[in-house]
Amino acid sequence: MGQFQYEDAAMPYSPEESATTNTSSAIEHVKQDHEQELMAIDGVEGVGIGRSKIGDDAIIIYLRHEGARKHLPRSIGGYPVETILTGVIDAYQK
């Protein structure tokens, strides 16, 4: 007792491989195809990829104000849309 037992993982971790899975590239294409039109919506500050509340791949839309949410679809290209209220995002803020 008191000692840990270690074993090798059944599958080695390789971030380079996991970053290029079909799921990741499919959602990335959907994001790229719709990003310009989403960014044109007043109140949208950014578009990204993340997870839904239940852990599925999702399109994440960052909002300047709550009112922008009513102009967004619930899903895009079969992926759910999740929103995060961020306020203004200023990369050059001092």
C-alpha atoms as a PDB file:
ATOM      1  CA  MET A   1       0.000   0.000   0.000  1.00  0.00           C
ATOM      2  CA  GLY A   2       1.027   3.587  -0.476  1.00  0.00           C
ATOM      3  CA  GLN A   3       2.817   2.912  -3.740  1.00  0.00           C
ATOM      4  CA  PHE A   4       1.479   3.743  -7.168  1.00  0.00           C
ATOM      5  CA  GLN A   5       1.437   1.282  -9.997  1.00  0.00           C
ATOM      6  CA  TYR A   6       1.944   2.612 -13.471  1.00  0.00           C
ATOM      7  CA  GLU A   7       1.255   1.011 -16.791  1.00  0.00           C
ATOM      8  CA  ASP A   8       1.821   2.071 -20.360  1.00  0.00           C
ATOM      9  CA  ALA A   9      -1.110   3.608 -22.156  1.00  0.00           C
ATOM     10  CA  ALA A  10      -2.819   1.363 -24.665  1.00  0.00           C
ATOM     11  CA  MET A  11      -2.620   4.123 -27.266  1.00  0.00           C
ATOM     12  CA  PRO A  12       0.200   6.672 -27.334  1.00  0.00           C
ATOM     13  CA  TYR A  13      -0.824  10.317 -27.225  1.00  0.00           C
ATOM     14  CA  SER A  14       0.048  12.201 -30.379  1.00  0.00           C
ATOM     15  CA  PRO A  15      -1.459  15.705 -30.623  1.00  0.00           C
ATOM     16  CA  GLU A  16      -0.413  16.031 -34.252  1.00  0.00           C
ATOM     17  CA  GLU A  17      -2.550  13.036 -35.223  1.00  0.00           C
ATOM     18  CA  SER A  18      -5.593  14.042 -33.167  1.00  0.00           C
ATOM     19  CA  ALA A  19      -5.543  17.548 -34.640  1.00  0.00           C
ATOM     20  CA  THR A  20      -6.052  16.152 -38.132  1.00  0.00           C
ATOM     21  CA  THR A  21      -8.971  13.787 -37.530  1.00  0.00           C
ATOM     22  CA  ASN A  22     -11.900  13.892 -39.945  1.00  0.00           C
ATOM     23  CA  THR A  23     -14.202  15.336 -37.268  1.00  0.00           C
ATOM     24  CA  SER A  24     -11.879  18.251 -36.597  1.00  0.00           C
ATOM     25  CA  SER A  25     -11.335  19.024 -40.247  1.00  0.00           C
ATOM     26  CA  ALA A  26     -15.046  18.755 -41.043  1.00  0.00           C
ATOM     27  CA  ILE A  27     -16.051  21.281 -38.391  1.00  0.00           C
ATOM     28  CA  GLU A  28     -13.123  23.505 -39.365  1.00  0.00           C
ATOM     29  CA  HIS A  29     -14.442  23.593 -42.946  1.00  0.00           C
ATOM     30  CA  VAL A  30     -17.941  24.471 -41.719  1.00  0.00           C
ATOM     31  CA  LYS A  31     -16.505  27.272 -39.566  1.00  0.00           C
ATOM     32  CA  GLN A  32     -14.444  28.655 -42.450  1.00  0.00           C
ATOM     33  CA  ASP A  33     -17.413  28.477 -44.844  1.00  0.00           C
ATOM     34  CA  HIS A  34     -19.658  30.512 -42.502  1.00  0.00           C
ATOM     35  CA  GLU A  35     -17.250  32.719 -40.558  1.00  0.00           C
ATOM     36  CA  GLN A  36     -17.478  35.750 -42.837  1.00  0.00           C
ATOM     37  CA  GLU A  37     -21.283  35.838 -42.806  1.00  0.00           C
ATOM     38  CA  LEU A  38     -21.362  35.327 -39.020  1.00  0.00           C
ATOM     39  CA  MET A  39     -18.836  38.110 -38.436  1.00  0.00           C
ATOM     40  CA  ALA A  40     -21.057  40.442 -40.509  1.00  0.00           C
ATOM     41  CA  ILE A  41     -23.830  40.138 -37.896  1.00  0.00           C
ATOM     42  CA  ASP A  42     -23.897  43.157 -35.593  1.00  0.00           C
ATOM     43  CA  GLY A  43     -22.726  42.083 -32.167  1.00  0.00           C
ATOM     44  CA  VAL A  44     -20.607  39.100 -33.213  1.00  0.00           C
ATOM     45  CA  GLU A  45     -17.027  39.470 -31.960  1.00  0.00           C
ATOM     46  CA  GLY A  46     -15.570  36.145 -33.051  1.00  0.00           C
ATOM     47  CA  VAL A  47     -16.157  32.590 -34.236  1.00  0.00           C
ATOM     48  CA  GLY A  48     -14.423  29.481 -32.989  1.00  0.00           C
ATOM     49  CA  ILE A  49     -14.685  25.760 -32.453  1.00  0.00           C
ATOM     50  CA  GLY A  50     -15.354  24.141 -29.109  1.00  0.00           C
ATOM     51  CA  ARG A  51     -17.723  21.828 -27.305  1.00  0.00           C
ATOM     52  CA  SER A  52     -21.434  22.036 -26.653  1.00  0.00           C
ATOM     53  CA  LYS A  53     -22.827  21.766 -23.142  1.00  0.00           C
ATOM     54  CA  ILE A  54     -23.110  17.997 -23.637  1.00  0.00           C
ATOM     55  CA  GLY A  55     -19.605  17.601 -25.064  1.00  0.00           C
ATOM     56  CA  ASP A  56     -20.270  17.454 -28.807  1.00  0.00           C
ATOM     57  CA  ASP A  57     -18.260  19.450 -31.358  1.00  0.00           C
ATOM     58  CA  ALA A  58     -19.815  22.901 -31.724  1.00  0.00           C
ATOM     59  CA  ILE A  59     -19.403  26.239 -33.454  1.00  0.00           C
ATOM     60  CA  ILE A  60     -18.723  28.855 -30.760  1.00  0.00           C
ATOM     61  CA  ILE A  61     -19.795  32.433 -31.420  1.00  0.00           C
ATOM     62  CA  TYR A  62     -18.486  35.202 -29.180  1.00  0.00           C
ATOM     63  CA  LEU A  63     -20.973  38.033 -28.679  1.00  0.00           C
ATOM     64  CA  ARG A  64     -20.538  41.701 -27.838  1.00  0.00           C
ATOM     65  CA  HIS A  65     -24.110  41.944 -26.531  1.00  0.00           C
ATOM     66  CA  GLU A  66     -26.997  39.617 -25.726  1.00  0.00           C
ATOM     67  CA  GLY A  67     -29.206  41.042 -28.491  1.00  0.00           C
ATOM     68  CA  ALA A  68     -27.034  39.489 -31.207  1.00  0.00           C
ATOM     69  CA  ARG A  69     -28.086  35.987 -30.130  1.00  0.00           C
ATOM     70  CA  LYS A  70     -31.522  36.339 -31.786  1.00  0.00           C
ATOM     71  CA  HIS A  71     -29.857  36.723 -35.216  1.00  0.00           C
ATOM     72  CA  LEU A  72     -27.941  33.428 -35.006  1.00  0.00           C
ATOM     73  CA  PRO A  73     -28.955  29.964 -36.175  1.00  0.00           C
ATOM     74  CA  ARG A  74     -29.215  27.099 -33.668  1.00  0.00           C
ATOM     75  CA  SER A  75     -26.930  24.962 -35.817  1.00  0.00           C
ATOM     76  CA  ILE A  76     -24.587  25.371 -38.768  1.00  0.00           C
ATOM     77  CA  GLY A  77     -23.661  22.530 -41.093  1.00  0.00           C
ATOM     78  CA  GLY A  78     -25.072  20.001 -38.647  1.00  0.00           C
ATOM     79  CA  TYR A  79     -23.066  21.353 -35.683  1.00  0.00           C
ATOM     80  CA  PRO A  80     -24.769  23.063 -32.737  1.00  0.00           C
ATOM     81  CA  VAL A  81     -24.100  26.745 -32.167  1.00  0.00           C
ATOM     82  CA  GLU A  82     -23.030  27.820 -28.672  1.00  0.00           C
ATOM     83  CA  THR A  83     -22.637  31.456 -27.687  1.00  0.00           C
ATOM     84  CA  ILE A  84     -20.417  33.187 -25.176  1.00  0.00           C
ATOM     85  CA  LEU A  85     -21.083  36.773 -24.108  1.00  0.00           C
ATOM     86  CA  THR A  86     -17.665  38.473 -24.101  1.00  0.00           C
ATOM     87  CA  GLY A  87     -18.354  42.143 -24.651  1.00  0.00           C
ATOM     88  CA  VAL A  88     -16.006  43.989 -26.987  1.00  0.00           C
ATOM     89  CA  ILE A  89     -12.819  42.090 -27.788  1.00  0.00           C
ATOM     90  CA  ASP A  90      -9.956  44.502 -28.367  1.00  0.00           C
ATOM     91  CA  ALA A  91      -6.650  42.848 -29.190  1.00  0.00           C
ATOM     92  CA  TYR A  92      -4.841  46.166 -28.813  1.00  0.00           C
ATOM     93  CA  GLN A  93      -6.325  47.193 -25.466  1.00  0.00           C
ATOM     94  CA  LYS A  94      -3.714  48.656 -23.120  1.00  0.00           C
END
